[in-house]
């Protein structure tokens, strides 16, 4: 049976111009090389080389074989190199999701770029609710997720780690008279105001957290006729429909005519967690560790 080694011998003989030069390059005796090619010719059923003259040359069948082998072996080598890169995680696309209330700020983009450079990967971003992120992690549709608790499902089936906790603010129209000369507010002071965001019946996240804070303070938030659970709630605030409670990171996406007012309540905080599947994937585990370390360092510096 012919072998890849024999095909490589054939290519080397052609490219070096003869058996003597090829045997020197391959570190094999000329007689052994000649025997390998003779065996190959017998296996294939035709002569590869015309030996009727002093300088050997390819037969027409040998020429066709050489050209085909050269192309296909180059492709094979390329495929092997590509597979080796993939086995090391290089060239892989890592899919990361985040809830709509988690902003792709400079910090996240910086660590994502570091991950791409360190692991020679690409990153594909997507926006999904925290509940969908959990589902997509378990079925393998995404690799890492940034969620904002609370969510309606437990996190026992995935790895979960806290990245950062930041204060919540009231987002209000800059001309809203209620907030004139107010440097901060309490949740209880918002009881008579209209909210442009309300909780989703089957999901947690920011809107659920905000509504919970209101309930703890003795009232249910009054919603406007037009409302949103996404970042478009800021556009509703900008157009004077009402207020909403948002995390500090919304500062970088505020419309020009919306301001943030600090909330004095001690529990007016929101956590962001990183989740990933419990498996032995070294690249994903390494990325998760790097993201966690990055935010730990940020908090220490702060």
Protein backbone atom coordinates (compact mmCIF):
# COMPACT_ATOMS: atom_id res chain seq x y z
CA UNK A 1 0.00 0.00 0.00
CA UNK A 2 1.37 3.41 -0.93
CA UNK A 3 2.14 5.88 1.87
CA UNK A 4 2.37 9.63 2.39
CA UNK A 5 6.10 9.17 2.96
CA UNK A 6 6.46 7.78 -0.59
CA UNK A 7 4.53 10.73 -2.00
CA UNK A 8 6.81 13.15 -0.15
CA UNK A 9 9.83 11.27 -1.53
CA UNK A 10 8.44 11.70 -5.05
CA UNK A 11 7.90 15.44 -4.61
CA UNK A 12 11.41 15.91 -3.18
CA UNK A 13 13.01 14.03 -6.11
CA UNK A 14 11.22 16.26 -8.61
CA UNK A 15 11.97 19.49 -6.74
CA UNK A 16 15.67 18.70 -6.14
CA UNK A 17 16.23 17.45 -9.67
CA UNK A 18 17.16 13.81 -9.01
CA UNK A 19 17.65 10.89 -6.66
CA UNK A 20 21.13 11.90 -5.44
CA UNK A 21 20.13 15.41 -4.30
CA UNK A 22 16.85 14.10 -2.86
CA UNK A 23 18.56 11.37 -0.85
CA UNK A 24 20.94 13.95 0.65
CA UNK A 25 18.06 16.25 1.58
CA UNK A 26 15.99 13.40 3.03
CA UNK A 27 18.94 11.80 4.84
CA UNK A 28 18.20 8.43 3.23
CA UNK A 29 20.44 6.16 1.14
CA UNK A 30 19.97 6.54 -2.59
CA UNK A 31 19.36 2.83 -2.99
CA UNK A 32 16.62 2.89 -0.34
CA UNK A 33 15.01 5.92 -1.99
CA UNK A 34 15.08 4.22 -5.40
CA UNK A 35 13.49 1.13 -3.89
CA UNK A 36 10.69 3.18 -2.30
CA UNK A 37 9.83 4.81 -5.62
CA UNK A 38 9.97 1.47 -7.44
CA UNK A 39 7.58 0.01 -4.89
CA UNK A 40 5.26 2.98 -5.38
CA UNK A 41 5.28 2.48 -9.16
CA UNK A 42 4.37 -1.18 -8.70
CA UNK A 43 1.53 -0.26 -6.34
CA UNK A 44 0.16 2.35 -8.76
CA UNK A 45 0.63 0.23 -11.87
CA UNK A 46 2.57 2.76 -13.97
CA UNK A 47 6.03 4.28 -14.23
CA UNK A 48 6.45 7.67 -12.60
CA UNK A 49 9.92 8.38 -13.97
CA UNK A 50 11.34 7.82 -17.46
CA UNK A 51 14.77 6.29 -16.82
CA UNK A 52 15.73 5.81 -20.50
CA UNK A 53 18.13 8.74 -20.38
CA UNK A 54 20.88 9.71 -17.95
CA UNK A 55 18.79 12.56 -16.50
CA UNK A 56 15.50 11.20 -15.26
CA UNK A 57 12.26 12.94 -16.06
CA UNK A 58 8.62 12.43 -15.24
CA UNK A 59 6.41 10.36 -17.50
CA UNK A 60 3.12 12.01 -18.54
CA UNK A 61 1.35 9.96 -15.87
CA UNK A 62 4.08 10.88 -13.36
CA UNK A 63 3.69 14.57 -14.23
CA UNK A 64 -0.06 14.43 -13.60
CA UNK A 65 0.51 12.56 -10.32
CA UNK A 66 3.16 15.02 -9.13
CA UNK A 67 1.00 18.10 -9.79
CA UNK A 68 -2.00 16.58 -8.04
CA UNK A 69 0.05 15.35 -5.08
CA UNK A 70 1.78 18.71 -4.68
CA UNK A 71 -1.54 20.58 -4.51
CA UNK A 72 -3.26 18.11 -2.23
CA UNK A 73 -0.35 17.64 0.15
CA UNK A 74 -0.01 21.42 0.48
CA UNK A 75 -3.71 21.52 1.39
CA UNK A 76 -3.22 18.67 3.84
CA UNK A 77 -0.33 20.44 5.56
CA UNK A 78 -2.39 23.64 5.73
CA UNK A 79 -5.31 21.70 7.24
CA UNK A 80 -3.02 20.16 9.86
CA UNK A 81 -1.56 23.56 10.80
CA UNK A 82 -5.09 24.99 11.02
CA UNK A 83 -6.28 22.11 13.20
CA UNK A 84 -3.25 22.50 15.47
CA UNK A 85 -4.06 26.21 15.86
CA UNK A 86 -7.66 25.39 16.72
CA UNK A 87 -6.51 22.83 19.30
CA UNK A 88 -4.59 25.66 20.99
CA UNK A 89 -7.63 27.95 20.74
CA UNK A 90 -6.08 30.14 18.04
CA UNK A 91 -8.43 31.53 15.42
CA UNK A 92 -11.46 30.48 17.46
CA UNK A 93 -14.57 32.65 17.72
CA UNK A 94 -15.62 33.13 21.34
CA UNK A 95 -19.28 34.12 21.67
CA UNK A 96 -20.01 36.54 24.51
CA UNK A 97 -23.46 37.83 25.44
CA UNK A 98 -24.54 40.64 27.74
CA UNK A 99 -27.91 41.86 28.94
CA UNK A 100 -29.19 45.11 27.48
CA UNK A 101 -28.59 46.94 30.78
CA UNK A 102 -24.86 46.12 30.68
CA UNK A 103 -22.99 48.67 28.63
CA UNK A 104 -20.06 47.74 26.41
CA UNK A 105 -17.89 50.40 28.00
CA UNK A 106 -14.16 51.01 27.67
CA UNK A 107 -13.29 48.52 30.41
CA UNK A 108 -15.04 45.62 28.70
CA UNK A 109 -13.66 46.47 25.29
CA UNK A 110 -10.16 46.71 26.75
CA UNK A 111 -10.24 43.26 28.34
CA UNK A 112 -11.88 41.74 25.24
CA UNK A 113 -9.08 43.12 23.09
CA UNK A 114 -6.50 41.68 25.51
CA UNK A 115 -8.18 38.27 25.26
CA UNK A 116 -8.06 38.40 21.46
CA UNK A 117 -4.35 39.22 21.50
CA UNK A 118 -3.43 36.70 24.20
CA UNK A 119 -5.33 33.71 22.83
CA UNK A 120 -5.36 34.65 19.12
CA UNK A 121 -9.16 34.50 19.09
CA UNK A 122 -12.01 36.60 17.73
CA UNK A 123 -14.98 37.67 19.86
CA UNK A 124 -18.57 37.84 18.67
CA UNK A 125 -20.87 39.96 20.85
CA UNK A 126 -24.62 39.60 21.26
CA UNK A 127 -27.32 41.07 23.50
CA UNK A 128 -29.50 38.58 25.38
CA UNK A 129 -31.58 38.65 28.53
CA UNK A 130 -29.96 37.06 31.57
CA UNK A 131 -32.39 34.12 31.40
CA UNK A 132 -31.64 33.47 27.74
CA UNK A 133 -27.92 33.68 28.42
CA UNK A 134 -28.24 30.85 30.91
CA UNK A 135 -30.18 28.74 28.41
CA UNK A 136 -27.73 29.50 25.57
CA UNK A 137 -24.73 28.68 27.76
CA UNK A 138 -26.10 25.26 28.58
CA UNK A 139 -26.88 24.41 24.94
CA UNK A 140 -23.50 25.71 23.73
CA UNK A 141 -24.77 28.71 21.73
CA UNK A 142 -22.59 31.15 23.71
CA UNK A 143 -19.38 30.77 25.70
CA UNK A 144 -19.52 33.59 28.26
CA UNK A 145 -22.28 35.80 29.60
CA UNK A 146 -22.54 39.08 31.50
CA UNK A 147 -25.73 39.15 33.56
CA UNK A 148 -27.35 41.56 35.97
CA UNK A 149 -29.11 39.75 38.84
CA UNK A 150 -31.67 38.98 40.00
CA UNK A 151 -32.80 36.37 37.49
CA UNK A 152 -35.61 33.82 37.69
CA UNK A 153 -33.30 30.79 37.45
CA UNK A 154 -30.63 29.55 39.81
CA UNK A 155 -27.02 29.48 38.67
CA UNK A 156 -26.11 26.06 40.05
CA UNK A 157 -25.58 24.55 36.59
CA UNK A 158 -22.98 27.13 35.49
CA UNK A 159 -19.90 28.83 36.83
CA UNK A 160 -20.76 32.27 38.18
CA UNK A 161 -18.56 34.98 39.63
CA UNK A 162 -19.15 38.60 40.65
CA UNK A 163 -17.28 41.15 38.53
CA UNK A 164 -18.38 44.45 40.02
CA UNK A 165 -21.13 46.20 41.97
CA UNK A 166 -22.02 49.81 41.21
CA UNK A 167 -24.54 52.37 42.51
CA UNK A 168 -27.91 53.00 40.91
CA UNK A 169 -29.11 56.41 39.78
CA UNK A 170 -32.35 58.05 38.75
CA UNK A 171 -32.34 59.07 35.10
CA UNK A 172 -34.50 62.16 34.63
CA UNK A 173 -35.03 64.84 32.01
CA UNK A 174 -32.67 67.73 32.66
CA UNK A 175 -35.62 70.15 32.83
CA UNK A 176 -37.71 68.02 35.21
CA UNK A 177 -38.71 70.48 37.93
CA UNK A 178 -39.02 67.76 40.56
CA UNK A 179 -35.24 67.37 40.58
CA UNK A 180 -34.34 71.08 40.56
CA UNK A 181 -31.62 71.72 43.14
CA UNK A 182 -31.61 68.06 44.20
CA UNK A 183 -28.13 66.61 44.46
CA UNK A 184 -29.49 63.18 45.45
CA UNK A 185 -32.79 61.46 46.24
CA UNK A 186 -34.17 58.48 48.12
CA UNK A 187 -36.28 55.78 46.48
CA UNK A 188 -39.23 56.78 48.65
CA UNK A 189 -39.23 60.27 47.09
CA UNK A 190 -40.02 58.72 43.69
CA UNK A 191 -43.38 57.26 44.74
CA UNK A 192 -45.50 59.82 42.84
CA UNK A 193 -43.42 59.89 39.66
CA UNK A 194 -44.01 57.99 36.42
CA UNK A 195 -41.55 55.24 35.47
CA UNK A 196 -40.75 54.39 31.86
CA UNK A 197 -39.56 50.89 32.77
CA UNK A 198 -41.45 48.02 34.39
CA UNK A 199 -40.46 44.41 35.16
CA UNK A 200 -40.95 41.62 32.64
CA UNK A 201 -43.24 38.90 34.03
CA UNK A 202 -40.82 36.11 33.20
CA UNK A 203 -37.46 37.80 33.64
CA UNK A 204 -35.36 39.47 36.27
CA UNK A 205 -32.63 41.99 35.60
CA UNK A 206 -32.54 45.75 36.00
CA UNK A 207 -36.28 46.48 35.70
CA UNK A 208 -37.06 43.79 38.29
CA UNK A 209 -34.36 45.15 40.62
CA UNK A 210 -35.69 48.70 40.31
CA UNK A 211 -39.27 47.63 40.97
CA UNK A 212 -38.13 45.62 43.99
CA UNK A 213 -36.46 48.69 45.47
CA UNK A 214 -39.73 50.58 45.11
CA UNK A 215 -41.74 47.77 46.73
CA UNK A 216 -39.32 47.63 49.66
CA UNK A 217 -39.99 51.34 50.12
CA UNK A 218 -43.75 50.86 50.21
CA UNK A 219 -44.97 51.63 46.69
CA UNK A 220 -45.41 50.11 43.25
CA UNK A 221 -43.81 52.19 40.49
CA UNK A 222 -46.35 53.98 38.32
CA UNK A 223 -45.63 53.26 34.68
CA UNK A 224 -46.24 55.54 31.74
CA UNK A 225 -48.37 54.55 28.73
CA UNK A 226 -45.21 54.10 26.69
CA UNK A 227 -42.50 52.13 28.43
CA UNK A 228 -39.45 49.98 27.75
CA UNK A 229 -37.29 47.39 29.52
CA UNK A 230 -34.34 48.05 27.22
CA UNK A 231 -31.84 50.89 26.97
CA UNK A 232 -34.43 52.74 24.86
CA UNK A 233 -35.96 53.75 28.19
CA UNK A 234 -33.41 56.57 28.17
CA UNK A 235 -34.96 57.88 24.94
CA UNK A 236 -38.34 57.92 26.67
CA UNK A 237 -36.83 59.89 29.55
CA UNK A 238 -35.24 62.26 27.04
CA UNK A 239 -38.67 62.89 25.55
CA UNK A 240 -40.23 63.69 28.91
CA UNK A 241 -42.28 60.53 29.49
CA UNK A 242 -40.95 59.83 32.97
CA UNK A 243 -37.97 58.55 34.94
CA UNK A 244 -36.11 55.28 35.34
CA UNK A 245 -33.54 53.73 37.65
CA UNK A 246 -30.30 52.82 35.90
CA UNK A 247 -26.78 51.65 36.80
CA UNK A 248 -23.81 53.99 36.93
CA UNK A 249 -22.39 52.66 33.63
CA UNK A 250 -25.29 54.31 31.77
CA UNK A 251 -23.36 57.56 32.12
CA UNK A 252 -21.55 56.82 28.85
CA UNK A 253 -24.77 56.43 26.83
CA UNK A 254 -26.89 59.25 28.27
CA UNK A 255 -28.81 61.45 25.80
CA UNK A 256 -27.79 65.10 26.06
CA UNK A 257 -30.95 66.19 27.88
CA UNK A 258 -30.94 63.44 30.51
CA UNK A 259 -29.16 63.68 33.86
CA UNK A 260 -28.37 61.11 36.54
CA UNK A 261 -29.26 61.80 40.17
CA UNK A 262 -27.56 59.67 42.85
CA UNK A 263 -29.79 57.54 45.09
CA UNK A 264 -28.96 57.73 48.81
CA UNK A 265 -30.44 54.36 49.83
CA UNK A 266 -27.72 51.97 50.98
CA UNK A 267 -29.22 49.07 49.01
CA UNK A 268 -29.43 51.01 45.73
CA UNK A 269 -26.69 48.92 44.16
CA UNK A 270 -26.52 46.63 41.17
CA UNK A 271 -24.18 43.69 40.61
CA UNK A 272 -22.84 42.35 37.32
CA UNK A 273 -21.80 38.69 37.18
CA UNK A 274 -19.89 36.60 34.66
CA UNK A 275 -21.27 33.16 33.84
CA UNK A 276 -19.81 30.30 31.81
CA UNK A 277 -20.43 26.61 31.36
CA UNK A 278 -18.98 24.03 33.73
CA UNK A 279 -16.61 22.14 31.44
CA UNK A 280 -12.96 21.47 30.80
CA UNK A 281 -12.56 24.02 27.99
CA UNK A 282 -9.18 25.61 28.83
CA UNK A 283 -9.65 28.66 26.60
CA UNK A 284 -13.02 29.61 28.11
CA UNK A 285 -11.76 29.01 31.64
CA UNK A 286 -8.68 31.12 30.91
CA UNK A 287 -10.81 33.93 29.46
CA UNK A 288 -13.10 33.88 32.50
CA UNK A 289 -10.11 34.02 34.85
CA UNK A 290 -8.61 36.93 32.91
CA UNK A 291 -11.87 38.90 32.96
CA UNK A 292 -12.24 38.33 36.70
CA UNK A 293 -8.63 39.33 37.36
CA UNK A 294 -9.07 42.47 35.25
CA UNK A 295 -12.03 43.70 37.28
CA UNK A 296 -10.35 42.76 40.56
CA UNK A 297 -7.39 44.91 39.57
CA UNK A 298 -9.69 47.77 38.61
CA UNK A 299 -11.38 47.70 42.01
CA UNK A 300 -8.04 47.64 43.82
CA UNK A 301 -6.81 50.60 41.81
CA UNK A 302 -10.04 52.43 42.51
